[in-house]
Amino acid sequence: MTLQRAGYKVITAGDGLEAMKLALSSAIDVVITDAIMPHMSGQELARFFRSNAKLSKLPIVLLTGQENREAAAAGKELIDAFLYKPVKVDVLKSCLAKLLS
């Protein structure tokens, strides 16, 4: 809701597999994913995007509530930005503006 109010068109997915399908069938500019999801992790989803020619350049933001920041940053070469929960709205909007500029 917050991102929609900020002017972004938002497409939501219930899990990583749905996110993969939506990304292949929709025009998207950035991916915001949770680190821990049903069916696959955010890092696994990022690996899929990076290996797909159509999606490999998409900016990826990983949201995590993991206290172990080293574990959360596994696969950091795949991720453009890490945000730790709880994420402040201004921080998320600033991150998106930077990635999309």
Protein backbone atom coordinates (compact mmCIF):
# COMPACT_ATOMS: atom_id res chain seq x y z
CA MET A 1 0.00 0.00 0.00
CA THR A 2 2.76 2.42 0.93
CA LEU A 3 4.54 1.97 -2.39
CA GLN A 4 1.30 2.33 -4.32
CA ARG A 5 0.62 5.61 -2.52
CA ALA A 6 4.13 6.71 -3.50
CA GLY A 7 3.22 6.19 -7.16
CA TYR A 8 4.66 2.73 -7.79
CA LYS A 9 2.68 0.02 -9.55
CA VAL A 10 3.00 -3.04 -7.32
CA ILE A 11 2.62 -6.69 -8.33
CA THR A 12 2.61 -9.11 -5.41
CA ALA A 13 3.47 -12.80 -5.30
CA GLY A 14 2.61 -15.24 -2.54
CA ASP A 15 5.92 -17.12 -2.82
CA GLY A 16 9.09 -17.41 -4.86
CA LEU A 17 7.61 -19.68 -7.54
CA GLU A 18 4.76 -17.25 -8.17
CA ALA A 19 7.28 -14.41 -8.31
CA MET A 20 9.23 -16.25 -11.00
CA LYS A 21 6.09 -16.75 -13.11
CA LEU A 22 4.99 -13.13 -12.69
CA ALA A 23 8.43 -11.80 -13.59
CA LEU A 24 8.44 -13.83 -16.79
CA SER A 25 4.98 -12.65 -17.81
CA SER A 26 4.94 -9.02 -16.57
CA ALA A 27 6.92 -5.87 -17.21
CA ILE A 28 8.76 -5.11 -13.98
CA ASP A 29 11.45 -2.60 -13.05
CA VAL A 30 12.62 -3.85 -9.64
CA VAL A 31 12.18 -6.86 -7.38
CA ILE A 32 11.63 -6.60 -3.64
CA THR A 33 11.81 -10.03 -2.03
CA ASP A 34 11.90 -11.48 1.43
CA ALA A 35 14.89 -13.61 2.35
CA ILE A 36 12.68 -16.41 3.65
CA MET A 37 9.64 -17.48 1.61
CA PRO A 38 7.75 -20.69 0.86
CA HIS A 39 9.26 -22.88 -1.88
CA MET A 40 12.52 -20.92 -2.26
CA SER A 41 14.63 -18.30 -0.53
CA GLY A 42 15.10 -14.75 -1.71
CA GLN A 43 18.68 -15.66 -2.63
CA GLU A 44 17.43 -18.57 -4.77
CA LEU A 45 14.96 -16.24 -6.47
CA ALA A 46 17.78 -13.76 -7.14
CA ARG A 47 19.90 -16.57 -8.61
CA PHE A 48 17.03 -17.38 -11.00
CA PHE A 49 16.76 -13.73 -12.08
CA ARG A 50 20.52 -13.42 -12.64
CA SER A 51 20.59 -16.57 -14.77
CA ASN A 52 17.71 -15.44 -17.01
CA ALA A 53 18.71 -13.22 -19.94
CA LYS A 54 15.44 -11.24 -19.80
CA LEU A 55 15.63 -10.61 -16.04
CA SER A 56 19.35 -10.57 -15.27
CA LYS A 57 19.67 -6.78 -15.01
CA LEU A 58 16.68 -6.22 -12.69
CA PRO A 59 17.60 -4.49 -9.44
CA ILE A 60 16.87 -6.79 -6.50
CA VAL A 61 16.16 -5.64 -2.95
CA LEU A 62 16.28 -8.33 -0.27
CA LEU A 63 14.32 -7.79 2.94
CA THR A 64 15.44 -9.80 5.92
CA GLY A 65 14.63 -10.17 9.57
CA GLN A 66 17.55 -12.50 10.17
CA GLU A 67 19.65 -11.38 13.09
CA ASN A 68 22.76 -13.02 11.66
CA ARG A 69 23.66 -10.44 9.03
CA GLU A 70 26.42 -12.60 7.56
CA ALA A 71 23.94 -15.41 6.91
CA ALA A 72 21.42 -12.93 5.51
CA ALA A 73 24.06 -11.58 3.13
CA ALA A 74 24.79 -15.01 1.62
CA GLY A 75 24.70 -14.57 -2.14
CA LYS A 76 25.33 -10.84 -1.80
CA GLU A 77 26.77 -10.70 -5.33
CA LEU A 78 23.22 -11.40 -6.54
CA ILE A 79 21.51 -8.66 -4.52
CA ASP A 80 21.61 -4.90 -5.19
CA ALA A 81 20.37 -3.80 -1.76
CA PHE A 82 19.78 -5.40 1.64
CA LEU A 83 17.22 -3.91 3.99
CA TYR A 84 16.78 -5.21 7.53
CA LYS A 85 13.31 -5.50 9.06
CA PRO A 86 11.53 -3.61 10.24
CA VAL A 87 12.09 -1.44 7.17
CA LYS A 88 11.27 2.24 7.46
CA VAL A 89 9.15 3.55 4.60
CA ASP A 90 11.54 6.41 3.85
CA VAL A 91 14.48 4.00 3.67
CA LEU A 92 12.64 1.72 1.22
CA LYS A 93 11.53 4.64 -0.97
CA SER A 94 15.05 6.08 -0.98
CA CYS A 95 16.51 2.68 -1.89
CA LEU A 96 14.08 2.29 -4.80
CA ALA A 97 14.71 5.81 -6.07
CA LYS A 98 18.45 5.14 -6.08
CA LEU A 99 18.13 1.78 -7.86
CA LEU A 100 15.73 3.12 -10.47
CA SER A 101 17.62 6.33 -11.28
